[in-house]
Amino acid sequence: MTRMRAKMRIGGVEKFGDTVERLTFHGVAKDGPYPSDGSDEDNTFARFSPSVTMTMDLANPALLGKFKAGDTFYVDFTPVA
């Protein structure tokens, strides 16, 4: 099974009234060069996927207001059997 882990950061939170928020995520990359030994964690994903953008609309009242620009997350992609 092919799997992938992306390190993503929220670049913006857009509110639509009191019931929906749109989160915009961007792939995390290091400012400047990566160490040649590959030891920087951001290197493992961003080095091979230098441009990543994802949006997510939230309408779950329990999640609204919980996310802010600059929050960073791992996003795991695992195929469904």
N, C-alpha and C. Protein backbone atom coordinates (compact mmCIF):
# COMPACT_ATOMS: atom_id res chain seq x y z
N MET A 1 0.82 -1.18 0.00
CA MET A 1 0.00 0.00 0.00
C MET A 1 0.87 1.25 0.00
N THR A 2 0.55 2.18 -0.85
CA THR A 2 1.26 3.45 -0.89
C THR A 2 0.70 4.39 0.18
N ARG A 3 1.59 4.96 0.95
CA ARG A 3 1.19 5.91 2.00
C ARG A 3 2.05 7.16 1.87
N MET A 4 1.53 8.27 2.39
CA MET A 4 2.28 9.51 2.35
C MET A 4 1.92 10.33 3.58
N ARG A 5 2.92 10.98 4.15
CA ARG A 5 2.69 11.92 5.26
C ARG A 5 3.15 13.30 4.79
N ALA A 6 2.25 14.27 4.90
CA ALA A 6 2.57 15.64 4.54
C ALA A 6 2.56 16.50 5.80
N LYS A 7 3.50 17.42 5.88
CA LYS A 7 3.51 18.38 6.98
C LYS A 7 2.94 19.67 6.41
N MET A 8 1.79 20.10 6.97
CA MET A 8 1.07 21.23 6.39
C MET A 8 0.79 22.29 7.45
N ARG A 9 0.79 23.55 7.01
CA ARG A 9 0.56 24.68 7.90
C ARG A 9 -0.65 25.46 7.40
N ILE A 10 -1.47 25.94 8.35
CA ILE A 10 -2.62 26.75 7.97
C ILE A 10 -2.12 28.14 7.60
N GLY A 11 -2.44 28.54 6.36
CA GLY A 11 -2.05 29.86 5.88
C GLY A 11 -3.13 30.90 6.11
N GLY A 12 -4.37 30.44 6.26
CA GLY A 12 -5.44 31.38 6.48
C GLY A 12 -6.72 30.70 6.92
N VAL A 13 -7.54 31.45 7.66
CA VAL A 13 -8.85 30.98 8.10
C VAL A 13 -9.85 32.03 7.65
N GLU A 14 -10.79 31.62 6.81
CA GLU A 14 -11.81 32.53 6.29
C GLU A 14 -13.15 32.15 6.89
N LYS A 15 -13.85 33.11 7.48
CA LYS A 15 -15.14 32.84 8.13
C LYS A 15 -16.28 33.21 7.19
N PHE A 16 -17.29 32.35 7.14
CA PHE A 16 -18.51 32.59 6.38
C PHE A 16 -19.66 32.61 7.39
N GLY A 17 -19.98 33.80 7.86
CA GLY A 17 -20.99 33.92 8.90
C GLY A 17 -20.50 33.28 10.19
N ASP A 18 -21.44 32.72 10.95
CA ASP A 18 -21.11 32.06 12.21
C ASP A 18 -21.11 30.55 12.10
N THR A 19 -21.25 30.02 10.87
CA THR A 19 -21.47 28.58 10.75
C THR A 19 -20.43 27.82 9.94
N VAL A 20 -19.56 28.53 9.20
CA VAL A 20 -18.59 27.84 8.34
C VAL A 20 -17.26 28.58 8.38
N GLU A 21 -16.17 27.80 8.42
CA GLU A 21 -14.82 28.34 8.27
C GLU A 21 -14.11 27.57 7.18
N ARG A 22 -13.35 28.29 6.36
CA ARG A 22 -12.51 27.65 5.34
C ARG A 22 -11.06 27.75 5.78
N LEU A 23 -10.42 26.60 5.93
CA LEU A 23 -9.00 26.54 6.28
C LEU A 23 -8.21 26.34 5.00
N THR A 24 -7.17 27.12 4.80
CA THR A 24 -6.28 26.94 3.66
C THR A 24 -4.92 26.49 4.18
N PHE A 25 -4.50 25.32 3.73
CA PHE A 25 -3.24 24.72 4.16
C PHE A 25 -2.20 24.82 3.05
N HIS A 26 -0.94 24.93 3.45
CA HIS A 26 0.19 24.92 2.52
C HIS A 26 1.23 23.94 3.04
N GLY A 27 1.94 23.29 2.13
CA GLY A 27 3.02 22.40 2.53
C GLY A 27 4.11 23.18 3.23
N VAL A 28 4.70 22.59 4.26
CA VAL A 28 5.77 23.22 5.03
C VAL A 28 7.10 22.92 4.34
N ALA A 29 7.88 23.96 4.16
CA ALA A 29 9.22 23.80 3.59
C ALA A 29 10.18 24.66 4.39
N LYS A 30 11.41 24.29 4.35
CA LYS A 30 12.46 25.01 5.07
C LYS A 30 12.84 26.29 4.32
N ASP A 31 13.08 27.37 5.07
CA ASP A 31 13.65 28.58 4.47
C ASP A 31 15.13 28.32 4.27
N GLY A 32 15.58 28.41 3.05
CA GLY A 32 16.99 28.17 2.78
C GLY A 32 17.25 26.73 2.39
N PRO A 33 18.51 26.38 2.20
CA PRO A 33 18.84 25.03 1.73
C PRO A 33 18.66 23.96 2.81
N TYR A 34 18.38 22.76 2.35
CA TYR A 34 18.30 21.62 3.26
C TYR A 34 19.70 21.07 3.50
N PRO A 35 19.94 20.49 4.68
CA PRO A 35 21.26 19.87 4.91
C PRO A 35 21.46 18.71 3.94
N SER A 36 22.67 18.54 3.47
CA SER A 36 22.95 17.51 2.47
C SER A 36 22.70 16.09 3.00
N ASP A 37 22.72 15.92 4.33
CA ASP A 37 22.49 14.58 4.88
C ASP A 37 21.00 14.25 5.02
N GLY A 38 20.10 15.21 4.65
CA GLY A 38 18.66 14.96 4.68
C GLY A 38 18.08 14.96 6.08
N SER A 39 18.79 15.50 7.06
CA SER A 39 18.37 15.38 8.46
C SER A 39 17.22 16.32 8.85
N ASP A 40 16.91 17.34 8.06
CA ASP A 40 15.82 18.25 8.40
C ASP A 40 14.48 17.57 8.13
N GLU A 41 13.59 17.58 9.14
CA GLU A 41 12.31 16.89 9.00
C GLU A 41 11.49 17.41 7.83
N ASP A 42 11.51 18.72 7.58
CA ASP A 42 10.73 19.28 6.47
C ASP A 42 11.23 18.77 5.12
N ASN A 43 12.44 18.29 5.08
CA ASN A 43 13.05 17.79 3.85
C ASN A 43 12.33 16.56 3.32
N THR A 44 11.84 15.70 4.19
CA THR A 44 11.34 14.40 3.74
C THR A 44 10.11 14.50 2.85
N PHE A 45 9.28 15.52 3.02
CA PHE A 45 8.11 15.71 2.16
C PHE A 45 8.33 16.84 1.16
N ALA A 46 8.71 18.01 1.64
CA ALA A 46 8.76 19.20 0.80
C ALA A 46 9.83 19.13 -0.29
N ARG A 47 10.87 18.40 -0.05
CA ARG A 47 11.94 18.30 -1.05
C ARG A 47 11.41 17.72 -2.36
N PHE A 48 10.46 16.81 -2.26
CA PHE A 48 9.93 16.15 -3.45
C PHE A 48 8.55 16.67 -3.84
N SER A 49 7.92 17.47 -3.01
CA SER A 49 6.59 18.06 -3.29
C SER A 49 6.66 19.53 -2.91
N PRO A 50 7.34 20.34 -3.71
CA PRO A 50 7.59 21.71 -3.29
C PRO A 50 6.38 22.63 -3.30
N SER A 51 5.26 22.21 -3.84
CA SER A 51 4.09 23.08 -3.87
C SER A 51 2.84 22.27 -3.53
N VAL A 52 2.24 22.57 -2.38
CA VAL A 52 1.05 21.86 -1.92
C VAL A 52 0.07 22.87 -1.36
N THR A 53 -1.18 22.81 -1.79
CA THR A 53 -2.24 23.65 -1.24
C THR A 53 -3.47 22.78 -1.06
N MET A 54 -4.17 22.96 0.07
CA MET A 54 -5.39 22.20 0.34
C MET A 54 -6.35 23.13 1.07
N THR A 55 -7.64 23.06 0.73
CA THR A 55 -8.64 23.81 1.48
C THR A 55 -9.63 22.84 2.10
N MET A 56 -10.16 23.25 3.24
CA MET A 56 -11.13 22.43 3.96
C MET A 56 -12.18 23.36 4.54
N ASP A 57 -13.45 23.08 4.26
CA ASP A 57 -14.55 23.85 4.84
C ASP A 57 -15.09 23.10 6.05
N LEU A 58 -15.16 23.80 7.18
CA LEU A 58 -15.66 23.21 8.42
C LEU A 58 -17.03 23.79 8.76
N ALA A 59 -17.96 22.93 9.11
CA ALA A 59 -19.28 23.38 9.57
C ALA A 59 -19.62 22.76 10.92
N ASN A 60 -18.72 21.99 11.48
CA ASN A 60 -18.93 21.36 12.77
C ASN A 60 -18.78 22.41 13.87
N PRO A 61 -19.84 22.73 14.59
CA PRO A 61 -19.76 23.78 15.61
C PRO A 61 -18.66 23.53 16.65
N ALA A 62 -18.35 22.27 16.92
CA ALA A 62 -17.31 21.95 17.91
C ALA A 62 -15.91 22.30 17.42
N LEU A 63 -15.72 22.49 16.11
CA LEU A 63 -14.41 22.80 15.55
C LEU A 63 -14.22 24.27 15.19
N LEU A 64 -15.32 25.01 15.07
CA LEU A 64 -15.21 26.41 14.66
C LEU A 64 -14.43 27.21 15.71
N GLY A 65 -13.48 28.00 15.22
CA GLY A 65 -12.66 28.82 16.11
C GLY A 65 -11.49 28.10 16.75
N LYS A 66 -11.32 26.82 16.45
CA LYS A 66 -10.24 26.02 17.07
C LYS A 66 -8.93 26.09 16.29
N PHE A 67 -8.97 26.52 15.03
CA PHE A 67 -7.78 26.53 14.18
C PHE A 67 -7.39 27.97 13.87
N LYS A 68 -6.07 28.23 13.80
CA LYS A 68 -5.60 29.57 13.47
C LYS A 68 -4.44 29.49 12.49
N ALA A 69 -4.24 30.59 11.77
CA ALA A 69 -3.12 30.67 10.83
C ALA A 69 -1.82 30.41 11.59
N GLY A 70 -0.97 29.59 11.00
CA GLY A 70 0.31 29.24 11.61
C GLY A 70 0.31 27.89 12.30
N ASP A 71 -0.89 27.34 12.61
CA ASP A 71 -0.95 25.99 13.19
C ASP A 71 -0.40 25.00 12.16
N THR A 72 0.37 24.03 12.62
CA THR A 72 1.00 23.05 11.74
C THR A 72 0.55 21.65 12.11
N PHE A 73 0.30 20.83 11.08
CA PHE A 73 -0.24 19.48 11.28
C PHE A 73 0.44 18.49 10.34
N TYR A 74 0.44 17.24 10.75
CA TYR A 74 0.74 16.15 9.84
C TYR A 74 -0.58 15.69 9.22
N VAL A 75 -0.57 15.48 7.92
CA VAL A 75 -1.72 14.96 7.22
C VAL A 75 -1.29 13.63 6.61
N ASP A 76 -1.92 12.55 7.05
CA ASP A 76 -1.57 11.22 6.57
C ASP A 76 -2.53 10.77 5.48
N PHE A 77 -1.99 10.28 4.38
CA PHE A 77 -2.77 9.74 3.29
C PHE A 77 -2.56 8.23 3.28
N THR A 78 -3.61 7.50 3.62
CA THR A 78 -3.57 6.05 3.67
C THR A 78 -4.72 5.53 2.82
N PRO A 79 -4.44 4.68 1.85
CA PRO A 79 -5.52 4.17 0.99
C PRO A 79 -6.57 3.40 1.80
N VAL A 80 -7.79 3.48 1.33
CA VAL A 80 -8.89 2.72 1.92
C VAL A 80 -8.96 1.38 1.22
N ALA A 81 -8.97 0.33 2.00
CA ALA A 81 -9.00 -1.01 1.40
C ALA A 81 -10.37 -1.31 0.82
